[in-house]
Protein backbone atom coordinates (compact mmCIF):
# COMPACT_ATOMS: atom_id res chain seq x y z
CA MET A 1 10.75 -20.34 -1.56
CA THR A 2 8.68 -18.34 -4.04
CA LEU A 3 9.96 -15.09 -5.50
CA SER A 4 7.31 -12.98 -3.74
CA THR A 5 8.20 -14.60 -0.40
CA ASP A 6 11.91 -14.11 -1.01
CA LEU A 7 11.37 -10.43 -1.82
CA TRP A 8 9.33 -9.94 1.35
CA THR A 9 11.89 -11.81 3.46
CA ALA A 10 14.75 -9.76 2.03
CA ASN A 11 13.03 -6.58 3.23
CA GLN A 12 12.08 -7.56 6.75
CA ASP A 13 14.23 -4.75 8.11
CA LEU A 14 12.02 -2.16 6.40
CA ALA A 15 8.81 -4.00 7.36
CA ALA A 16 9.93 -4.00 11.00
CA ALA A 17 10.87 -0.31 10.78
CA CYS A 18 7.37 0.48 9.50
CA LEU A 19 5.73 -1.51 12.29
CA LYS A 20 7.88 0.16 14.95
CA HIS A 21 7.40 3.64 13.49
CA PRO A 22 5.64 5.95 15.96
CA PHE A 23 2.98 6.79 13.36
CA VAL A 24 1.96 3.14 13.01
CA GLN A 25 2.28 2.49 16.73
CA GLY A 26 0.09 5.53 17.34
CA ILE A 27 -2.59 4.01 15.13
CA GLY A 28 -2.21 0.75 17.01
CA ASN A 29 -2.72 2.19 20.48
CA GLY A 30 -5.01 5.05 19.47
CA THR A 31 -2.70 7.84 20.63
CA LEU A 32 -1.80 9.25 17.20
CA GLU A 33 -2.63 12.95 16.89
CA GLN A 34 -5.71 13.52 14.78
CA SER A 35 -3.96 16.11 12.60
CA LYS A 36 -1.34 13.55 11.57
CA PHE A 37 -3.95 10.94 10.70
CA ALA A 38 -6.03 13.49 8.78
CA TYR A 39 -2.97 14.41 6.69
CA TYR A 40 -2.29 10.72 6.08
CA VAL A 41 -5.87 10.09 4.93
CA GLY A 42 -5.61 12.79 2.26
CA GLN A 43 -2.18 11.67 1.10
CA ASP A 44 -3.19 8.02 1.02
CA ALA A 45 -6.28 8.79 -1.05
CA PHE A 46 -4.06 10.56 -3.60
CA PHE A 47 -1.71 7.59 -3.53
CA LEU A 48 -4.51 5.07 -4.00
CA GLU A 49 -5.76 6.86 -7.10
CA ALA A 50 -2.29 6.45 -8.63
CA PHE A 51 -2.21 2.85 -7.42
CA ALA A 52 -5.49 2.13 -9.24
CA ARG A 53 -4.14 3.74 -12.41
CA ALA A 54 -0.98 1.64 -12.22
CA TYR A 55 -3.13 -1.49 -11.94
CA SER A 56 -5.10 -0.39 -15.01
CA VAL A 57 -1.94 0.24 -17.06
CA ALA A 58 -0.61 -3.16 -16.05
CA ALA A 59 -3.92 -4.77 -17.01
CA ALA A 60 -3.72 -3.26 -20.49
CA LYS A 61 -0.17 -4.59 -20.87
CA ALA A 62 -0.86 -8.06 -19.45
CA PRO A 63 0.12 -10.76 -21.95
CA ASP A 64 -2.84 -13.01 -21.18
CA TRP A 65 -6.47 -12.83 -20.10
CA ALA A 66 -5.80 -14.21 -16.62
CA GLY A 67 -3.39 -11.38 -15.89
CA PHE A 68 -5.75 -8.81 -17.37
CA THR A 69 -8.69 -9.89 -15.21
CA THR A 70 -6.58 -10.17 -12.04
CA PHE A 71 -5.11 -6.67 -12.42
CA HIS A 72 -8.60 -5.28 -13.04
CA ALA A 73 -10.02 -7.08 -10.00
CA LEU A 74 -7.25 -5.59 -7.87
CA ALA A 75 -8.04 -2.13 -9.22
CA GLY A 76 -11.61 -2.71 -8.07
CA GLY A 77 -10.31 -3.51 -4.59
CA VAL A 78 -8.51 -0.16 -4.53
CA LEU A 79 -11.76 1.62 -5.43
CA GLN A 80 -13.40 -0.04 -2.42
CA GLU A 81 -10.51 1.11 -0.24
CA LEU A 82 -10.98 4.64 -1.54
CA ARG A 83 -14.58 4.57 -0.41
CA LEU A 84 -13.31 3.81 3.09
CA HIS A 85 -11.06 6.85 2.81
CA GLU A 86 -14.05 8.97 1.83
CA SER A 87 -15.74 8.01 5.08
CA TYR A 88 -12.52 8.76 6.97
CA ALA A 89 -12.27 12.10 5.21
CA ALA A 90 -15.81 13.03 6.23
CA GLN A 91 -15.07 11.98 9.81
CA TRP A 92 -11.79 13.92 10.01
CA GLY A 93 -12.86 16.96 7.99
CA VAL A 94 -10.54 16.33 5.06
CA ASN A 95 -11.48 17.64 1.61
CA LEU A 96 -10.04 14.98 -0.69
CA LYS A 97 -10.58 17.18 -3.76
CA SER A 98 -8.18 19.81 -2.47
CA VAL A 99 -5.36 17.50 -1.32
CA GLU A 100 -1.89 18.64 -2.34
CA PRO A 101 0.47 15.68 -2.45
CA GLY A 102 3.58 15.97 -0.33
CA MET A 103 7.07 15.12 -1.53
CA ALA A 104 7.01 11.59 -0.13
CA THR A 105 3.64 10.96 -1.76
CA ARG A 106 4.79 12.31 -5.12
CA ARG A 107 7.99 10.30 -4.97
CA TYR A 108 6.00 7.11 -4.45
CA THR A 109 3.25 7.75 -7.00
CA ASP A 110 5.65 8.99 -9.68
CA PHE A 111 7.74 5.86 -9.18
CA LEU A 112 4.72 3.55 -9.46
CA LEU A 113 3.32 5.19 -12.59
CA ALA A 114 6.72 5.41 -14.27
CA THR A 115 7.23 1.71 -13.56
CA ALA A 116 3.77 0.81 -14.87
CA TRP A 117 4.24 2.77 -18.10
CA GLY A 118 7.89 1.93 -18.69
CA GLY A 119 8.28 -1.57 -17.30
CA ASP A 120 6.70 -4.93 -17.96
CA VAL A 121 3.88 -6.31 -15.84
CA GLY A 122 6.25 -8.38 -13.71
CA LEU A 123 8.21 -5.31 -12.67
CA THR A 124 4.98 -3.41 -12.04
CA ALA A 125 3.65 -6.20 -9.83
CA ALA A 126 6.93 -6.16 -7.88
CA ALA A 127 6.65 -2.39 -7.41
CA MET A 128 3.06 -2.65 -6.14
CA SER A 129 3.35 -5.77 -4.01
CA PRO A 130 5.12 -4.17 -1.00
CA CYS A 131 2.19 -1.87 -0.25
CA MET A 132 -0.33 -4.70 -0.09
CA ARG A 133 1.94 -7.15 1.71
CA LEU A 134 3.05 -4.52 4.22
CA TYR A 135 -0.46 -3.35 5.10
CA ALA A 136 -1.63 -6.92 5.61
CA PHE A 137 1.38 -7.43 7.90
CA LEU A 138 0.75 -4.23 9.84
CA GLY A 139 -2.95 -5.00 10.22
CA GLU A 140 -2.20 -8.53 11.42
CA GLN A 141 0.42 -7.37 13.91
CA LEU A 142 -1.67 -4.53 15.33
CA ALA A 143 -4.66 -6.86 15.72
CA SER A 144 -2.65 -9.76 17.15
CA HIS A 145 -3.91 -9.15 20.69
CA GLY A 146 -7.39 -8.09 19.65
CA ILE A 147 -8.57 -4.84 18.09
CA PRO A 148 -8.95 -2.15 20.75
CA GLU A 149 -11.92 0.18 20.55
CA HIS A 150 -10.45 3.57 19.76
CA GLN A 151 -10.63 6.12 16.94
CA TYR A 152 -8.37 4.13 14.60
CA ALA A 153 -9.94 0.72 15.15
CA ASP A 154 -11.52 0.69 11.67
CA TRP A 155 -8.08 1.11 10.08
CA ILE A 156 -6.77 -1.92 11.94
CA ARG A 157 -9.95 -3.86 11.24
CA THR A 158 -9.69 -3.16 7.50
CA TYR A 159 -6.11 -4.31 7.01
CA SER A 160 -6.33 -7.31 9.34
CA SER A 161 -9.57 -8.57 7.81
CA ALA A 162 -9.97 -11.81 5.92
CA ASP A 163 -11.14 -9.76 2.92
CA PHE A 164 -7.84 -7.91 2.53
CA LEU A 165 -5.49 -10.89 2.58
CA PRO A 166 -6.76 -12.43 -0.72
CA LEU A 167 -5.94 -9.17 -2.52
CA THR A 168 -2.39 -9.44 -1.23
CA GLN A 169 -2.21 -13.06 -2.38
CA GLN A 170 -3.53 -12.15 -5.83
CA LEU A 171 -0.79 -9.57 -6.29
CA ASP A 172 1.82 -12.04 -5.06
CA SER A 173 0.56 -14.49 -7.68
CA LEU A 174 1.13 -11.86 -10.38
CA VAL A 175 4.72 -11.49 -9.18
CA GLU A 176 5.11 -15.26 -9.45
CA ASN A 177 3.55 -15.45 -12.91
CA TYR A 178 5.25 -12.51 -14.61
CA ALA A 179 8.38 -11.41 -12.72
CA THR A 180 11.79 -12.95 -13.18
CA VAL A 181 14.68 -13.04 -10.73
CA THR A 182 16.75 -10.00 -11.63
CA ALA A 183 18.57 -7.29 -9.71
CA SER A 184 15.98 -4.81 -10.99
CA ILE A 185 13.12 -6.77 -9.42
CA TYR A 186 14.84 -6.75 -6.05
CA SER A 187 15.83 -3.08 -6.18
CA THR A 188 12.34 -2.05 -7.35
CA TYR A 189 10.68 -3.94 -4.51
CA ARG A 190 13.04 -2.45 -1.95
CA TYR A 191 12.55 1.07 -3.28
CA ALA A 192 8.79 0.67 -2.87
CA MET A 193 9.28 -0.54 0.70
CA SER A 194 11.46 2.47 1.46
CA CYS A 195 8.72 4.71 0.02
CA GLU A 196 6.27 3.17 2.48
CA LEU A 197 8.50 4.06 5.41
CA GLU A 198 8.97 7.60 4.09
CA PHE A 199 5.20 7.91 3.68
CA PHE A 200 4.64 7.18 7.38
CA GLN A 201 7.49 9.49 8.35
CA ALA A 202 6.03 12.37 6.33
CA ALA A 203 2.67 12.00 8.09
CA TRP A 204 4.39 11.77 11.47
CA MET A 205 6.22 15.06 10.90
CA VAL A 206 2.98 17.00 10.40
CA VAL A 207 2.45 19.51 13.22
């Protein structure tokens, strides 16, 4: 078993909790309140900007050219994802320039950037991998019986698409190439997974 697979397997409880969360289920069946999704779109755009910056820091610290180019390619993927959020924002009336990050968002982005600046590229890859792996999992699960035509269909279509999975695999390969089996790797990965669950919960609590 590879390290990235072992990390994912060790956190199946949190992955399942995210899938079962009413926010994610509401996206899946189209019943999620629009105000909750609109809040999520703004928060996720703020998060993705930090995610792209963390990729860029890791690229600068990569010990070889292969790592440098892979981290940069992944940052480019985030920029494409942000363009999707811009279309969401226009659709849902969200001004991305005036978004104030919530506590759960700040907790996650501060953790990612602190890890990118203070840790090595293996630890950074382990901190970033849960987001990609989780969203590919959620997209696959929500689309498993076909993508229903409702207001959140594009979200499901994006994260279940054949274009998203290779980005997840690229990040997993960085974990394999640069991370070592330590308690810190496991605790960092799990903390990121717990941040994902808190992120959904924060959006769900919006009234």
